[in-house]
Amino acid sequence: MISDEFDAAWQATWPAADYAQTGGLRVGRGLGGGGRVSAARVTGSWAPADIAKAEAQHAAWDQPPLFAIEDGDPIARALADRGYVRTRPTLILSAPVASLAEPPIPPVMALECWPPLAILRELWTEQGIGPDRQAVMGRVSGPRVAILGRIDDRAAGAGFAAVHGNIATLHALAVLPGFRRRGLAGWMVRRAARFAAAQGAGTLALAVTEANREARALYDALGFHRIGSYAYWTR
C-alpha cells in the first residue's frame, strides 16, 4: 500500500481544481487535466452506495466516471460488478534524492525555471501535455520548478517537479522523439533531484505506466524502485 506521506505529497504536487468527498471516496475535479486529477480515489471505509455518489459527482462536473484504484483494493471487485474495466496499470517509483543528485550535470543540459518559459509550454503541448494539464502545475502552492532539457544546442525536453514535506514528485517529463535514448531524460531527472535536495526533500517519486518500457528502463538504471501500483477503472 502507498504510504499516507506519499499520498499527501502526490495530491499536493499535482492537485485537482476541486475535491468532493462521497463517503469513503474522494472525487477530483480535473477540468481536462487528465486522470490523475479527475479520478475518484479510496480515502477511507466505503460502501457500495459511495460508488454511485462518486458517479453522480463526476456527472455534476461534466466528466466521465473514473476511479484510480490501488492494486489489491477490494473495491475493484465492486467496480467490475458495475461494468467497469481495469485500464492503464501504473507503477509508482521512488529513489533517494542524494544518489540521484550526485553526478555533475553537463552545462546547459538541464535548466531550472519558474514560471515555465514559452518554449517549455510549446514542448509540453507538442508531446500531448496541453494547457489543461499545464494548469495543474499552476495550482501547486509549494516549491515547484519547470525543467528545460537541451541537447544539440536546442530545447528538446520539458519536465515539472514539486515538493511536499520530505517527498518531491516528478511529473510531465517529455523528450521530443528525435532526441530520445541519448541521456537527456536522465539528466533532467537528476536536475529535479537537485531541486528537491535544495528544498530539503529526501525522496524523488514518479508514476510510469507498465507499458512504457523505455521509461521504466531509464528509471531502473537511475536506481528507482517500486513502492506501489494502481490502475484506472472506467466503462
Protein backbone atom coordinates (compact mmCIF):
# COMPACT_ATOMS: atom_id res chain seq x y z
CA MET A 1 0.00 0.00 0.00
CA ILE A 2 1.10 3.55 -0.72
CA SER A 3 2.04 5.41 2.47
CA ASP A 4 -0.05 8.33 3.73
CA GLU A 5 3.04 10.54 3.44
CA PHE A 6 3.45 9.75 -0.23
CA ASP A 7 -0.27 10.07 -0.93
CA ALA A 8 -0.32 13.55 0.63
CA ALA A 9 2.68 14.59 -1.44
CA TRP A 10 1.13 13.22 -4.62
CA GLN A 11 -2.06 15.23 -4.12
CA ALA A 12 -0.23 18.42 -3.11
CA THR A 13 2.16 18.38 -6.06
CA TRP A 14 -0.43 17.52 -8.74
CA PRO A 15 -3.73 18.89 -7.39
CA ALA A 16 -7.22 18.85 -8.82
CA ALA A 17 -9.13 22.09 -9.20
CA ASP A 18 -11.56 20.97 -6.51
CA TYR A 19 -12.49 17.89 -4.47
CA ALA A 20 -15.70 16.34 -3.22
CA GLN A 21 -15.97 13.62 -0.60
CA THR A 22 -18.56 10.95 -1.34
CA GLY A 23 -18.43 8.68 1.69
CA GLY A 24 -15.16 6.77 1.56
CA LEU A 25 -14.27 8.11 -1.90
CA ARG A 26 -12.76 11.42 -2.89
CA VAL A 27 -13.52 12.75 -6.38
CA GLY A 28 -11.26 15.23 -8.12
CA ARG A 29 -12.44 17.92 -10.50
CA GLY A 30 -9.92 17.70 -13.29
CA LEU A 31 -11.04 20.42 -15.72
CA GLY A 32 -9.46 18.41 -18.52
CA GLY A 33 -6.19 17.87 -16.65
CA GLY A 34 -6.16 14.08 -17.00
CA GLY A 35 -6.96 11.02 -14.95
CA ARG A 36 -4.69 11.75 -12.01
CA VAL A 37 -6.70 14.84 -11.08
CA SER A 38 -10.19 13.72 -12.14
CA ALA A 39 -10.40 10.15 -10.80
CA ALA A 40 -12.20 9.10 -7.63
CA ARG A 41 -9.94 7.52 -5.01
CA VAL A 42 -10.49 5.49 -1.86
CA THR A 43 -9.74 7.56 1.23
CA GLY A 44 -11.48 5.55 3.94
CA SER A 45 -14.12 2.96 4.64
CA TRP A 46 -16.52 2.84 1.73
CA ALA A 47 -19.93 1.39 0.99
CA PRO A 48 -21.31 0.34 -2.41
CA ALA A 49 -23.57 3.38 -2.40
CA ASP A 50 -20.47 5.60 -2.35
CA ILE A 51 -19.62 4.47 -5.88
CA ALA A 52 -22.97 5.75 -7.15
CA LYS A 53 -22.41 9.03 -5.29
CA ALA A 54 -18.99 9.38 -6.92
CA GLU A 55 -20.54 8.74 -10.33
CA ALA A 56 -23.12 11.45 -9.64
CA GLN A 57 -20.36 13.89 -8.69
CA HIS A 58 -18.47 13.12 -11.88
CA ALA A 59 -21.66 13.81 -13.84
CA ALA A 60 -22.24 17.08 -11.97
CA TRP A 61 -18.75 18.18 -13.02
CA ASP A 62 -19.36 17.02 -16.59
CA GLN A 63 -16.53 14.49 -16.58
CA PRO A 64 -16.72 10.75 -17.30
CA PRO A 65 -16.77 8.38 -14.30
CA LEU A 66 -13.24 7.29 -13.46
CA PHE A 67 -11.65 5.59 -10.46
CA ALA A 68 -7.94 5.31 -9.60
CA ILE A 69 -7.58 2.16 -7.50
CA GLU A 70 -4.51 0.67 -5.85
CA ASP A 71 -3.82 -2.91 -6.84
CA GLY A 72 -5.35 -5.33 -4.36
CA ASP A 73 -8.03 -2.95 -3.12
CA PRO A 74 -11.34 -4.85 -2.72
CA ILE A 75 -13.31 -2.02 -4.31
CA ALA A 76 -12.05 -3.30 -7.67
CA ARG A 77 -14.50 -6.21 -7.49
CA ALA A 78 -17.39 -3.84 -6.77
CA LEU A 79 -16.42 -1.69 -9.76
CA ALA A 80 -16.17 -4.75 -12.01
CA ASP A 81 -19.67 -5.77 -10.93
CA ARG A 82 -20.88 -2.36 -12.13
CA GLY A 83 -19.34 -2.84 -15.55
CA TYR A 84 -16.02 -1.08 -15.04
CA VAL A 85 -12.80 -2.40 -16.59
CA ARG A 86 -9.20 -2.02 -15.46
CA THR A 87 -7.03 0.16 -17.72
CA ARG A 88 -3.62 1.86 -17.76
CA PRO A 89 -1.87 -0.09 -14.99
CA THR A 90 0.68 2.26 -13.47
CA LEU A 91 3.71 1.86 -11.23
CA ILE A 92 4.78 4.31 -8.55
CA LEU A 93 8.56 4.52 -8.19
CA SER A 94 10.90 6.33 -5.83
CA ALA A 95 14.62 6.85 -5.34
CA PRO A 96 16.83 8.65 -2.79
CA VAL A 97 17.49 12.24 -3.79
CA ALA A 98 21.10 12.04 -2.59
CA SER A 99 22.11 9.34 -5.07
CA LEU A 100 20.31 10.99 -8.00
CA ALA A 101 21.75 14.43 -7.34
CA GLU A 102 25.35 13.27 -7.03
CA PRO A 103 26.85 13.35 -10.58
CA PRO A 104 27.57 16.82 -12.00
CA ILE A 105 25.11 17.80 -14.74
CA PRO A 106 26.69 18.89 -18.03
CA PRO A 107 26.44 22.66 -18.60
CA VAL A 108 23.08 23.89 -20.00
CA MET A 109 21.86 20.29 -20.36
CA ALA A 110 19.01 20.62 -17.82
CA LEU A 111 17.95 24.03 -16.54
CA GLU A 112 15.51 25.18 -13.85
CA CYS A 113 12.97 27.99 -14.18
CA TRP A 114 9.63 29.17 -12.86
CA PRO A 115 7.26 30.19 -14.29
CA PRO A 116 7.70 27.97 -17.36
CA LEU A 117 9.24 29.59 -20.40
CA ALA A 118 7.16 29.75 -23.57
CA ILE A 119 9.39 27.10 -25.17
CA LEU A 120 8.60 24.71 -22.31
CA ARG A 121 4.88 25.17 -22.85
CA GLU A 122 5.36 24.56 -26.56
CA LEU A 123 7.32 21.37 -25.89
CA TRP A 124 4.69 20.05 -23.49
CA THR A 125 1.88 20.82 -25.91
CA GLU A 126 3.72 19.10 -28.76
CA GLN A 127 4.01 15.96 -26.58
CA GLY A 128 0.32 15.93 -25.63
CA ILE A 129 0.61 17.79 -22.32
CA GLY A 130 -1.70 20.64 -23.24
CA PRO A 131 -2.90 23.78 -21.44
CA ASP A 132 -5.36 21.92 -19.17
CA ARG A 133 -2.60 19.68 -17.79
CA GLN A 134 -0.21 22.60 -17.59
CA ALA A 135 -2.83 24.40 -15.50
CA VAL A 136 -2.41 21.71 -12.83
CA MET A 137 1.17 22.92 -12.31
CA GLY A 138 -0.10 26.43 -11.66
CA ARG A 139 -2.29 25.18 -8.82
CA VAL A 140 0.64 23.84 -6.78
CA SER A 141 1.19 26.03 -3.73
CA GLY A 142 4.51 24.58 -2.53
CA PRO A 143 8.00 24.69 -4.04
CA ARG A 144 7.89 23.86 -7.76
CA VAL A 145 10.09 24.06 -10.81
CA ALA A 146 9.98 23.60 -14.56
CA ILE A 147 12.92 21.80 -16.13
CA LEU A 148 14.14 22.56 -19.63
CA GLY A 149 16.22 19.87 -21.33
CA ARG A 150 18.68 20.90 -24.05
CA ILE A 151 20.78 18.87 -26.47
CA ASP A 152 22.49 19.76 -29.75
CA ASP A 153 22.03 23.44 -28.88
CA ARG A 154 18.25 23.23 -28.89
CA ALA A 155 15.38 22.76 -26.46
CA ALA A 156 14.25 19.13 -26.61
CA GLY A 157 12.70 18.22 -23.24
CA ALA A 158 10.36 19.53 -20.57
CA GLY A 159 9.51 18.41 -17.05
CA PHE A 160 7.90 19.58 -13.82
CA ALA A 161 8.77 18.83 -10.20
CA ALA A 162 7.30 19.93 -6.88
CA VAL A 163 7.97 19.27 -3.21
CA HIS A 164 5.72 18.49 -0.26
CA GLY A 165 7.47 17.70 3.01
CA ASN A 166 10.22 15.12 2.54
CA ILE A 167 8.95 14.00 -0.87
CA ALA A 168 9.44 15.55 -4.30
CA THR A 169 7.47 14.28 -7.26
CA LEU A 170 8.30 14.45 -10.94
CA HIS A 171 5.51 14.95 -13.48
CA ALA A 172 5.07 15.70 -17.17
CA LEU A 173 8.55 14.59 -18.24
CA ALA A 174 8.68 14.57 -22.03
CA VAL A 175 11.51 14.50 -24.60
CA LEU A 176 10.98 15.04 -28.32
CA PRO A 177 11.11 11.72 -30.22
CA GLY A 178 14.17 12.62 -32.28
CA PHE A 179 16.24 13.24 -29.15
CA ARG A 180 15.37 10.22 -27.02
CA ARG A 181 17.78 7.49 -25.91
CA ARG A 182 20.62 9.98 -25.69
CA GLY A 183 20.63 10.51 -21.93
CA LEU A 184 18.71 13.78 -21.82
CA ALA A 185 15.80 12.48 -19.73
CA GLY A 186 18.23 11.09 -17.16
CA TRP A 187 19.90 14.44 -16.70
CA MET A 188 16.51 16.10 -16.35
CA VAL A 189 15.61 13.62 -13.59
CA ARG A 190 18.88 14.47 -11.85
CA ARG A 191 18.09 18.19 -12.14
CA ALA A 192 14.75 17.51 -10.45
CA ALA A 193 16.61 15.68 -7.69
CA ARG A 194 18.94 18.63 -7.17
CA PHE A 195 15.95 20.94 -6.88
CA ALA A 196 14.41 18.53 -4.37
CA ALA A 197 17.62 18.44 -2.33
CA ALA A 198 17.72 22.24 -2.21
CA GLN A 199 14.19 22.16 -0.78
CA GLY A 200 15.13 19.62 1.90
CA ALA A 201 13.38 16.61 0.35
CA GLY A 202 14.97 13.18 0.68
CA THR A 203 12.94 11.20 -1.86
CA LEU A 204 12.00 11.71 -5.51
CA ALA A 205 8.93 9.83 -6.72
CA LEU A 206 7.09 9.47 -10.01
CA ALA A 207 4.50 7.37 -11.82
CA VAL A 208 5.02 5.45 -15.05
CA THR A 209 2.66 3.17 -16.93
CA GLU A 210 3.60 -0.50 -17.02
CA ALA A 211 3.50 -0.36 -20.83
CA ASN A 212 6.18 2.35 -21.05
CA ARG A 213 9.16 0.00 -21.21
CA GLU A 214 11.61 2.67 -22.38
CA ALA A 215 10.89 4.95 -19.42
CA ARG A 216 10.92 2.04 -16.98
CA ALA A 217 14.37 1.02 -18.20
CA LEU A 218 15.62 4.55 -17.62
CA TYR A 219 14.25 4.67 -14.09
CA ASP A 220 15.65 1.24 -13.28
CA ALA A 221 19.09 2.41 -14.41
CA LEU A 222 18.78 5.50 -12.20
CA GLY A 223 18.03 3.40 -9.12
CA PHE A 224 14.27 3.85 -8.74
CA HIS A 225 12.30 1.07 -7.07
CA ARG A 226 8.61 0.25 -6.95
CA ILE A 227 6.63 1.47 -3.93
CA GLY A 228 3.10 0.88 -5.20
CA SER A 229 0.84 0.43 -8.20
CA TYR A 230 -2.63 1.37 -9.32
CA ALA A 231 -4.88 1.31 -12.35
CA TYR A 232 -7.77 3.35 -13.70
CA TRP A 233 -11.21 1.81 -13.80
CA THR A 234 -13.57 3.09 -16.46
CA ARG A 235 -16.51 1.98 -18.58
